[in-house]
Amino acid sequence: MERMSRPLVRLLGQGVRAATKLRGGGSAFPGLVMEKLHPGFVSEQLARLPHGVVVVSGTNGKTTTTKMAVQLLESQGLTVFTNRTGSNFVRGVAAALLEEISLTGRFDADIAVLELDEAHAVHFVKEVQPRFALLLNVMRDQLDRFGEIDTTRRMLSKVAAATTEAVILNREDPRIASLAEDVRPGTEVLWYGLSPQLRPMFPSDDDMRGADGPAAPTPEGGSAPEAVVELTDFKATDVDFLVRGKPEKAKVHLYGVYNVYNAAAALALSMTVTDDGRDAPAAQAGIPSLLGELSAVTPAFGRGETITVDGAPLQLLLVKNPAGFRLSLASARPEAYATMIAINDEYADGRDVSWLWDVEFESLRSGGVDLVTGTRAWDMALRLDYDQVPVRDVEPELTEALRKFIASAEGRPMRVFCTYTAMLALRRALRSVAVVPEI
């Protein structure tokens, strides 16, 4: 196999990719094949991009923020390569490349915008130095993989240190803000942030725990650094920003209060990459067109994605840590929905589900939970019982649970809070009763 030419190795990888798609297998497997046969494949291909590589990482919001940034940059006339399936390991990037490159080896893209898992981003930047990085937040998540959050912060510091042109940081997360210290000389540090009145709605990990974390990036006697984009207010889909200090309005049609802050991050990144539209090919490129494009962004799969089942909407809401679950619960009135919670404990979910005890479920008391499912269904039911939330049924098998849930909803809007592998399994099961978009 060592004697195979690189084009032949690539063609073999593309064959594996096609076969995997036909049988509905994992999206990252072809990338694993390429890692074994051609370890330098990803770095060689990304080095061909004239506008370089953008890395998006952090605990929460990676997939949706990446999708927003890709759409915003495409609106400016750039051709963007990204790992659309949300497979955010390095092999997921390799698998996505195999799909985008033609059989003749042609790779038509101007820039790559890549969502990367915090641990795998460390390995990625050893091979590929990003031109830009957007670092979102650090929350307790999958402690069995990452350990405590200071470990995650150290991982992200490697990304910040490897970035060559600009690092965009969340000003309101102390651990992310402290990464400014790790940025190499000559690389610009930029910020996105919140107005003071919105700050309590988006707590950092330390805010939620009343713990002492690193200091915020405020010089003694001074003020916080000015943000490229600051989220100042929002009501329903109407969003107010300060963009380079100037008030601007936009619409964001995505479920969840957290997504309006993700929109600020994506906007700040897109402005930085295109130099406010001056370094973009579209005739109408610039801040006004970026703000307008925000209203056209649709949810990433499983992140507020809505699928119509028997004429009723069913919404899939990915939850994987206390902060994300809390904000999802706060985004809608529970009594307006039939509710199911699906908790798995596979590797991609995190084996340790003790984080469920850091989520406050009291808001579900009035409407209750129709059904709990997944490999840790009984753990979830116990947690809800402690918060005095009525649970009408427990069914660990996901497909059967989905059937029961749809039947019991009786036409009501449905929402499902689910961990990652549960979400993937439910999307597959939904294909038998609804039109589910390919990813």
Protein backbone atom coordinates (compact mmCIF):
# COMPACT_ATOMS: atom_id res chain seq x y z
CA MET A 1 0.00 0.00 0.00
CA GLU A 2 2.94 2.32 0.61
CA ARG A 3 3.71 2.22 -3.13
CA MET A 4 0.32 3.55 -4.17
CA SER A 5 0.47 7.04 -5.66
CA ARG A 6 -1.28 9.80 -3.76
CA PRO A 7 -3.97 10.23 -6.46
CA LEU A 8 -4.74 6.51 -6.18
CA VAL A 9 -4.92 6.74 -2.39
CA ARG A 10 -7.31 9.69 -2.74
CA LEU A 11 -9.47 7.77 -5.21
CA LEU A 12 -9.54 4.81 -2.82
CA GLY A 13 -10.63 7.15 -0.04
CA GLN A 14 -13.35 8.60 -2.26
CA GLY A 15 -14.56 5.10 -3.02
CA VAL A 16 -14.77 4.33 0.67
CA ARG A 17 -16.64 7.61 1.17
CA ALA A 18 -19.20 6.71 -1.51
CA ALA A 19 -19.69 3.20 -0.12
CA THR A 20 -20.09 4.53 3.42
CA LYS A 21 -22.78 6.99 2.31
CA LEU A 22 -24.68 4.25 0.51
CA ARG A 23 -24.82 2.03 3.57
CA GLY A 24 -25.53 4.91 5.97
CA GLY A 25 -22.31 4.51 7.94
CA GLY A 26 -20.32 6.99 9.99
CA SER A 27 -19.29 10.19 8.24
CA ALA A 28 -15.72 10.09 9.62
CA PHE A 29 -14.72 6.54 8.62
CA PRO A 30 -13.30 7.51 5.18
CA GLY A 31 -11.17 10.10 6.98
CA LEU A 32 -9.77 7.37 9.20
CA VAL A 33 -8.78 5.46 6.06
CA MET A 34 -6.95 8.52 4.75
CA GLU A 35 -5.21 9.09 8.10
CA LYS A 36 -3.71 5.61 7.78
CA LEU A 37 -2.85 5.71 4.08
CA HIS A 38 -1.88 9.36 3.60
CA PRO A 39 -1.33 11.19 6.93
CA GLY A 40 -0.51 14.49 5.21
CA PHE A 41 -3.69 14.55 3.10
CA VAL A 42 -5.56 17.25 5.07
CA SER A 43 -2.63 19.66 5.39
CA GLU A 44 -1.68 19.29 1.71
CA GLN A 45 -5.18 20.03 0.48
CA LEU A 46 -5.85 22.97 2.81
CA ALA A 47 -2.53 24.57 1.86
CA ARG A 48 -4.03 25.13 -1.62
CA LEU A 49 -6.66 27.60 -0.35
CA PRO A 50 -5.90 31.25 -1.24
CA HIS A 51 -7.67 32.68 1.84
CA GLY A 52 -6.40 30.07 4.26
CA VAL A 53 -8.15 28.26 7.10
CA VAL A 54 -10.50 29.36 9.87
CA VAL A 55 -10.88 27.23 13.02
CA VAL A 56 -13.99 27.50 15.18
CA SER A 57 -13.77 25.81 18.58
CA GLY A 58 -15.11 25.91 22.12
CA THR A 59 -17.56 23.93 24.21
CA ASN A 60 -20.96 25.15 23.00
CA GLY A 61 -22.21 26.52 19.69
CA LYS A 62 -19.50 25.29 17.31
CA THR A 63 -21.75 23.70 14.70
CA THR A 64 -24.33 26.48 14.47
CA THR A 65 -21.74 29.27 14.56
CA THR A 66 -19.70 27.56 11.85
CA LYS A 67 -22.81 27.15 9.68
CA MET A 68 -23.64 30.85 10.17
CA ALA A 69 -20.10 31.95 9.31
CA VAL A 70 -20.03 29.77 6.18
CA GLN A 71 -23.30 31.24 4.92
CA LEU A 72 -22.20 34.80 5.69
CA LEU A 73 -18.91 34.34 3.86
CA GLU A 74 -20.63 32.73 0.89
CA SER A 75 -22.91 35.78 0.72
CA GLN A 76 -19.74 37.83 0.21
CA GLY A 77 -18.83 35.83 -2.86
CA LEU A 78 -16.36 33.38 -1.32
CA THR A 79 -16.42 29.67 -2.04
CA VAL A 80 -16.18 28.00 1.39
CA PHE A 81 -15.12 24.47 2.28
CA THR A 82 -16.43 23.22 5.61
CA ASN A 83 -17.13 19.99 7.52
CA ARG A 84 -20.90 20.24 7.08
CA THR A 85 -21.82 17.05 8.91
CA GLY A 86 -20.48 18.43 12.19
CA SER A 87 -17.92 15.62 12.38
CA ASN A 88 -15.40 17.77 14.19
CA PHE A 89 -12.41 15.45 14.54
CA VAL A 90 -9.48 15.77 12.10
CA ARG A 91 -10.63 12.62 10.30
CA GLY A 92 -14.03 14.29 9.85
CA VAL A 93 -12.28 17.09 7.96
CA ALA A 94 -10.50 14.50 5.81
CA ALA A 95 -13.81 12.79 5.04
CA ALA A 96 -15.38 16.12 4.06
CA LEU A 97 -12.43 16.85 1.75
CA LEU A 98 -12.92 13.52 0.00
CA GLU A 99 -16.48 14.55 -0.86
CA GLU A 100 -15.54 18.04 -2.07
CA ILE A 101 -12.53 17.13 -4.25
CA SER A 102 -13.38 15.96 -7.77
CA LEU A 103 -12.26 12.59 -9.10
CA THR A 104 -9.58 14.43 -11.06
CA GLY A 105 -8.26 16.08 -7.85
CA ARG A 106 -9.76 19.53 -8.42
CA PHE A 107 -10.56 21.39 -5.17
CA ASP A 108 -12.62 24.53 -5.77
CA ALA A 109 -12.64 26.63 -2.63
CA ASP A 110 -11.30 29.98 -1.50
CA ILE A 111 -11.27 29.38 2.25
CA ALA A 112 -11.96 26.64 4.80
CA VAL A 113 -14.12 27.26 7.88
CA LEU A 114 -13.78 24.25 10.15
CA GLU A 115 -15.52 23.31 13.35
CA LEU A 116 -13.07 21.38 15.53
CA ASP A 117 -13.46 19.53 18.79
CA GLU A 118 -11.25 21.16 21.39
CA ALA A 119 -9.01 18.10 21.88
CA HIS A 120 -8.64 17.40 18.16
CA ALA A 121 -8.00 21.06 17.35
CA VAL A 122 -4.71 20.70 19.23
CA HIS A 123 -3.57 18.00 16.79
CA PHE A 124 -4.96 19.85 13.78
CA VAL A 125 -2.99 23.07 14.39
CA LYS A 126 0.25 21.11 14.61
CA GLU A 127 -0.26 20.26 10.92
CA VAL A 128 -2.20 23.31 9.69
CA GLN A 129 -1.69 26.80 11.05
CA PRO A 130 -5.05 28.59 10.87
CA ARG A 131 -5.13 32.10 9.50
CA PHE A 132 -8.10 32.96 11.75
CA ALA A 133 -9.55 31.37 14.89
CA LEU A 134 -12.90 31.97 16.61
CA LEU A 135 -12.94 30.66 20.19
CA LEU A 136 -16.38 30.60 21.78
CA ASN A 137 -16.53 29.43 25.40
CA VAL A 138 -15.27 26.93 27.94
CA MET A 139 -17.85 24.93 29.89
CA ARG A 140 -17.75 21.70 31.87
CA ASP A 141 -18.47 19.08 29.22
CA GLN A 142 -17.58 15.40 28.82
CA LEU A 143 -15.37 15.39 31.90
CA ASP A 144 -14.44 11.78 31.16
CA ARG A 145 -12.70 13.05 27.98
CA PHE A 146 -11.49 16.52 28.82
CA GLY A 147 -11.06 16.57 32.59
CA GLU A 148 -11.66 19.91 34.28
CA ILE A 149 -12.25 23.03 32.23
CA ASP A 150 -8.77 24.44 32.78
CA THR A 151 -7.58 21.50 30.68
CA THR A 152 -9.94 22.60 27.92
CA ARG A 153 -8.63 26.14 28.23
CA ARG A 154 -5.07 24.85 27.75
CA MET A 155 -6.15 22.98 24.63
CA LEU A 156 -7.65 26.13 23.14
CA SER A 157 -4.52 28.08 24.02
CA LYS A 158 -2.66 25.91 21.49
CA VAL A 159 -5.13 27.01 18.81
CA ALA A 160 -4.73 30.67 19.77
CA ALA A 161 -0.93 30.37 19.71
CA ALA A 162 -0.89 28.71 16.28
CA THR A 163 -3.13 31.28 14.54
CA THR A 164 -1.28 33.62 12.21
CA GLU A 165 -3.52 36.63 11.44
CA ALA A 166 -6.38 37.17 13.93
CA VAL A 167 -7.99 35.45 16.92
CA ILE A 168 -11.57 36.42 17.79
CA LEU A 169 -12.42 35.82 21.45
CA ASN A 170 -15.58 35.84 23.56
CA ARG A 171 -14.99 38.82 25.84
CA GLU A 172 -17.53 37.60 28.43
CA ASP A 173 -15.98 34.18 29.11
CA PRO A 174 -13.00 34.73 31.43
CA ARG A 175 -11.15 31.60 30.33
CA ILE A 176 -11.57 32.44 26.66
CA ALA A 177 -10.63 36.08 27.25
CA SER A 178 -7.45 34.99 29.04
CA LEU A 179 -6.31 33.31 25.81
CA ALA A 180 -5.25 36.76 24.58
CA GLU A 181 -2.07 36.13 26.59
CA ASP A 182 -1.25 33.12 24.39
CA VAL A 183 -1.57 34.78 20.99
CA ARG A 184 1.73 35.10 19.13
CA PRO A 185 3.24 38.54 18.44
CA GLY A 186 1.89 40.00 15.22
CA THR A 187 -1.45 38.18 15.41
CA GLU A 188 -4.36 40.49 16.11
CA VAL A 189 -6.71 39.88 19.06
CA LEU A 190 -10.34 40.86 18.45
CA TRP A 191 -13.46 40.49 20.57
CA TYR A 192 -17.18 39.90 20.43
CA GLY A 193 -19.32 40.46 23.49
CA LEU A 194 -22.52 41.41 25.31
CA SER A 195 -24.00 44.62 26.64
CA PRO A 196 -24.03 44.82 30.46
CA GLN A 197 -27.79 44.25 30.66
CA LEU A 198 -27.57 40.98 28.68
CA ARG A 199 -24.55 39.64 30.53
CA PRO A 200 -26.60 37.76 33.22
CA MET A 201 -28.51 35.84 30.51
CA PHE A 202 -25.33 34.16 29.26
CA PRO A 203 -23.46 32.96 32.36
CA SER A 204 -19.94 31.61 32.17
CA ASP A 205 -19.13 28.32 33.87
CA ASP A 206 -17.89 30.18 36.94
CA ASP A 207 -21.04 32.33 37.04
CA MET A 208 -23.18 29.20 37.20
CA ARG A 209 -21.14 27.69 39.99
CA GLY A 210 -20.29 30.79 41.97
CA ALA A 211 -16.65 29.83 41.56
CA ASP A 212 -13.56 31.96 41.25
CA GLY A 213 -12.15 31.82 37.75
CA PRO A 214 -9.54 33.86 35.90
CA ALA A 215 -9.93 37.61 35.82
CA ALA A 216 -11.78 39.28 32.96
CA PRO A 217 -9.65 41.20 30.42
CA THR A 218 -10.11 44.60 32.06
CA PRO A 219 -7.05 46.70 32.85
CA GLU A 220 -6.96 48.11 36.36
CA GLY A 221 -9.01 51.29 36.36
CA GLY A 222 -9.93 50.78 32.71
CA SER A 223 -12.82 49.36 30.72
CA ALA A 224 -13.36 46.08 28.91
CA PRO A 225 -11.81 45.88 25.42
CA GLU A 226 -14.07 47.16 22.65
CA ALA A 227 -15.86 44.42 20.73
CA VAL A 228 -16.02 44.24 16.95
CA VAL A 229 -19.62 43.09 17.46
CA GLU A 230 -21.59 43.51 20.69
CA LEU A 231 -25.02 42.01 21.19
CA THR A 232 -27.04 44.76 22.89
CA ASP A 233 -30.65 43.54 22.85
CA PHE A 234 -33.06 41.09 21.25
CA LYS A 235 -36.76 40.33 21.23
CA ALA A 236 -38.04 37.25 19.41
CA THR A 237 -36.21 37.36 16.04
CA ASP A 238 -35.28 41.07 16.20
CA VAL A 239 -31.66 41.57 17.24
CA ASP A 240 -29.70 44.73 18.03
CA PHE A 241 -25.92 44.90 17.70
CA LEU A 242 -23.19 47.44 18.10
CA VAL A 243 -20.99 46.86 15.05
CA ARG A 244 -17.69 48.68 15.38
CA GLY A 245 -19.49 50.97 17.80
CA LYS A 246 -22.40 51.72 15.47
CA PRO A 247 -25.98 50.51 16.27
CA GLU A 248 -27.25 47.97 13.72
CA LYS A 249 -30.32 45.74 13.47
CA ALA A 250 -30.77 42.22 12.13
CA LYS A 251 -33.12 39.26 12.29
CA VAL A 252 -32.10 35.79 13.50
CA HIS A 253 -34.60 33.00 12.84
CA LEU A 254 -32.99 30.31 14.99
CA TYR A 255 -34.38 28.63 18.10
CA GLY A 256 -32.63 29.40 21.35
CA VAL A 257 -31.43 32.57 23.04
CA TYR A 258 -27.86 31.30 22.75
CA ASN A 259 -28.05 31.53 18.96
CA VAL A 260 -28.35 35.32 18.95
CA TYR A 261 -24.98 35.40 20.70
CA ASN A 262 -23.62 32.84 18.24
CA ALA A 263 -24.76 35.24 15.51
CA ALA A 264 -22.59 37.99 17.03
CA ALA A 265 -19.61 35.63 16.94
CA ALA A 266 -20.22 34.61 13.32
CA LEU A 267 -20.67 38.23 12.27
CA ALA A 268 -17.43 39.29 13.97
CA LEU A 269 -15.55 36.45 12.25
CA SER A 270 -17.01 37.21 8.82
CA MET A 271 -16.18 40.90 9.10
CA THR A 272 -12.62 40.04 10.11
CA VAL A 273 -12.06 37.55 7.28
CA THR A 274 -13.42 39.92 4.61
CA ASP A 275 -12.10 43.18 6.12
CA ASP A 276 -15.70 44.41 6.40
CA GLY A 277 -16.34 43.34 2.81
CA ARG A 278 -13.32 45.06 1.27
CA ASP A 279 -11.53 41.75 0.70
CA ALA A 280 -14.50 39.91 -0.82
CA PRO A 281 -15.48 39.37 -4.48
CA ALA A 282 -19.25 40.06 -4.22
CA ALA A 283 -20.32 43.44 -5.61
CA GLN A 284 -22.54 44.15 -2.60
CA ALA A 285 -20.12 42.79 0.00
CA GLY A 286 -19.96 44.59 3.32
CA ILE A 287 -21.58 44.92 6.73
CA PRO A 288 -25.14 45.66 5.45
CA SER A 289 -25.22 42.51 3.33
CA LEU A 290 -23.78 40.43 6.21
CA LEU A 291 -26.51 41.70 8.54
CA GLY A 292 -29.15 40.94 5.92
CA GLU A 293 -27.85 37.42 5.36
CA LEU A 294 -28.26 36.55 9.07
CA SER A 295 -32.02 36.38 8.56
CA ALA A 296 -31.59 33.62 5.97
CA VAL A 297 -29.58 31.25 8.19
CA THR A 298 -31.40 28.01 9.02
CA PRO A 299 -30.59 25.65 11.93
CA ALA A 300 -27.80 23.13 11.72
CA PHE A 301 -28.99 19.53 11.88
CA GLY A 302 -30.17 18.57 15.36
CA ARG A 303 -29.54 22.08 16.72
CA GLY A 304 -33.08 23.43 16.75
CA GLU A 305 -33.81 21.64 13.48
CA THR A 306 -37.55 21.26 12.84
CA ILE A 307 -38.96 18.21 11.03
CA THR A 308 -42.64 17.99 10.13
CA VAL A 309 -44.30 14.75 11.30
CA ASP A 310 -47.97 14.16 10.43
CA GLY A 311 -48.44 17.89 9.99
CA ALA A 312 -46.94 18.80 13.38
CA PRO A 313 -43.45 20.25 13.98
CA LEU A 314 -40.90 18.13 15.83
CA GLN A 315 -37.82 20.01 16.99
CA LEU A 316 -34.49 18.29 17.76
CA LEU A 317 -32.42 20.11 20.38
CA LEU A 318 -28.89 18.89 21.05
CA VAL A 319 -27.93 19.00 24.74
CA LYS A 320 -24.57 17.92 26.07
CA ASN A 321 -23.73 19.97 29.15
CA PRO A 322 -25.46 22.03 31.86
CA ALA A 323 -25.07 25.42 30.18
CA GLY A 324 -26.52 24.31 26.87
CA PHE A 325 -29.41 22.41 28.46
CA ARG A 326 -30.31 25.38 30.68
CA LEU A 327 -30.41 27.80 27.78
CA SER A 328 -32.49 25.40 25.67
CA LEU A 329 -35.01 25.05 28.48
CA ALA A 330 -35.18 28.84 28.82
CA SER A 331 -35.95 29.39 25.14
CA ALA A 332 -39.64 28.38 25.05
CA ARG A 333 -42.68 27.85 27.28
CA PRO A 334 -42.68 24.12 28.18
CA GLU A 335 -46.48 23.83 28.37
CA ALA A 336 -46.68 24.70 24.66
CA TYR A 337 -44.93 21.46 23.63
CA ALA A 338 -45.01 17.72 23.99
CA THR A 339 -41.57 16.96 25.42
CA MET A 340 -39.22 13.98 25.17
CA ILE A 341 -35.69 13.71 26.58
CA ALA A 342 -33.24 11.23 25.01
CA ILE A 343 -29.98 10.62 26.90
CA ASN A 344 -27.27 8.27 25.60
CA ASP A 345 -23.81 7.69 27.07
CA GLU A 346 -21.78 6.65 24.05
CA TYR A 347 -18.26 8.03 23.58
CA ALA A 348 -19.48 10.96 21.46
CA ASP A 349 -22.01 11.89 24.17
CA GLY A 350 -19.65 11.55 27.12
CA ARG A 351 -19.81 8.47 29.32
CA ASP A 352 -20.34 10.46 32.50
CA VAL A 353 -23.91 11.79 32.73
CA SER A 354 -23.56 13.25 36.22
CA TRP A 355 -23.75 16.69 34.57
CA LEU A 356 -27.53 16.24 34.45
CA TRP A 357 -27.57 17.04 38.16
CA ASP A 358 -26.24 20.53 37.39
CA VAL A 359 -29.29 21.34 35.26
CA GLU A 360 -32.38 22.84 36.89
CA PHE A 361 -35.52 21.21 35.47
CA GLU A 362 -38.15 23.00 37.56
CA SER A 363 -39.42 24.84 34.46
CA LEU A 364 -40.76 21.51 33.16
CA ARG A 365 -43.03 20.91 36.15
CA SER A 366 -46.08 22.58 34.67
CA GLY A 367 -46.10 20.64 31.41
CA GLY A 368 -44.21 17.57 32.52
CA VAL A 369 -42.17 15.27 30.26
CA ASP A 370 -44.11 12.90 28.03
CA LEU A 371 -41.35 10.36 27.58
CA VAL A 372 -37.73 9.69 28.54
CA THR A 373 -35.53 7.44 26.40
CA GLY A 374 -31.96 6.42 25.62
CA THR A 375 -29.38 4.22 27.29
CA ARG A 376 -29.54 6.41 30.40
CA ALA A 377 -33.30 6.89 30.38
CA TRP A 378 -33.75 5.76 33.98
CA ASP A 379 -30.98 8.09 35.18
CA MET A 380 -32.79 10.96 33.47
CA ALA A 381 -36.14 9.92 34.95
CA LEU A 382 -34.60 9.85 38.42
CA ARG A 383 -33.13 13.30 37.94
CA LEU A 384 -36.52 14.68 36.88
CA ASP A 385 -38.18 13.01 39.87
CA TYR A 386 -35.85 14.89 42.22
CA ASP A 387 -37.04 18.17 40.65
CA GLN A 388 -40.66 16.99 40.93
CA VAL A 389 -41.17 16.92 37.17
CA PRO A 390 -43.89 14.45 36.13
CA VAL A 391 -42.67 11.78 33.67
CA ARG A 392 -45.44 9.94 31.84
CA ASP A 393 -43.40 7.10 30.37
CA VAL A 394 -39.86 5.65 30.22
CA GLU A 395 -38.82 3.66 27.15
CA PRO A 396 -35.04 3.11 26.76
CA GLU A 397 -35.29 1.93 23.13
CA LEU A 398 -35.13 5.02 20.96
CA THR A 399 -37.17 3.92 17.94
CA GLU A 400 -40.03 2.59 20.05
CA ALA A 401 -39.89 5.70 22.23
CA LEU A 402 -40.17 7.93 19.16
CA ARG A 403 -43.22 5.99 17.93
CA LYS A 404 -44.93 6.32 21.31
CA PHE A 405 -44.02 10.00 21.60
CA ILE A 406 -45.44 10.96 18.20
CA ALA A 407 -48.64 9.05 18.93
CA SER A 408 -49.09 10.63 22.36
CA ALA A 409 -48.45 14.17 21.12
CA GLU A 410 -51.86 14.18 19.38
CA GLY A 411 -50.94 17.02 17.02
CA ARG A 412 -49.15 19.21 19.54
CA PRO A 413 -45.78 20.72 18.59
CA MET A 414 -43.04 18.36 19.76
CA ARG A 415 -39.54 18.97 21.02
CA VAL A 416 -36.86 16.44 21.85
CA PHE A 417 -33.85 17.28 24.00
CA CYS A 418 -31.20 14.76 22.97
CA THR A 419 -27.54 13.93 23.29
CA TYR A 420 -25.47 13.58 20.12
CA THR A 421 -25.79 9.86 19.33
CA ALA A 422 -29.45 9.87 20.38
CA MET A 423 -30.05 12.73 17.96
CA LEU A 424 -28.41 10.82 15.09
CA ALA A 425 -30.46 7.70 15.86
CA LEU A 426 -33.71 9.68 16.08
CA ARG A 427 -33.03 11.39 12.74
CA ARG A 428 -32.57 7.96 11.15
CA ALA A 429 -35.80 6.68 12.74
CA LEU A 430 -37.71 9.77 11.62
CA ARG A 431 -36.98 8.97 7.96
CA SER A 432 -39.69 6.29 8.09
CA VAL A 433 -42.40 8.85 8.92
CA ALA A 434 -41.09 12.21 7.66
CA VAL A 435 -38.81 13.95 5.18
CA VAL A 436 -35.47 14.35 6.93
CA PRO A 437 -32.77 16.43 5.17
CA GLU A 438 -29.50 14.68 4.33
CA ILE A 439 -26.39 15.91 6.16
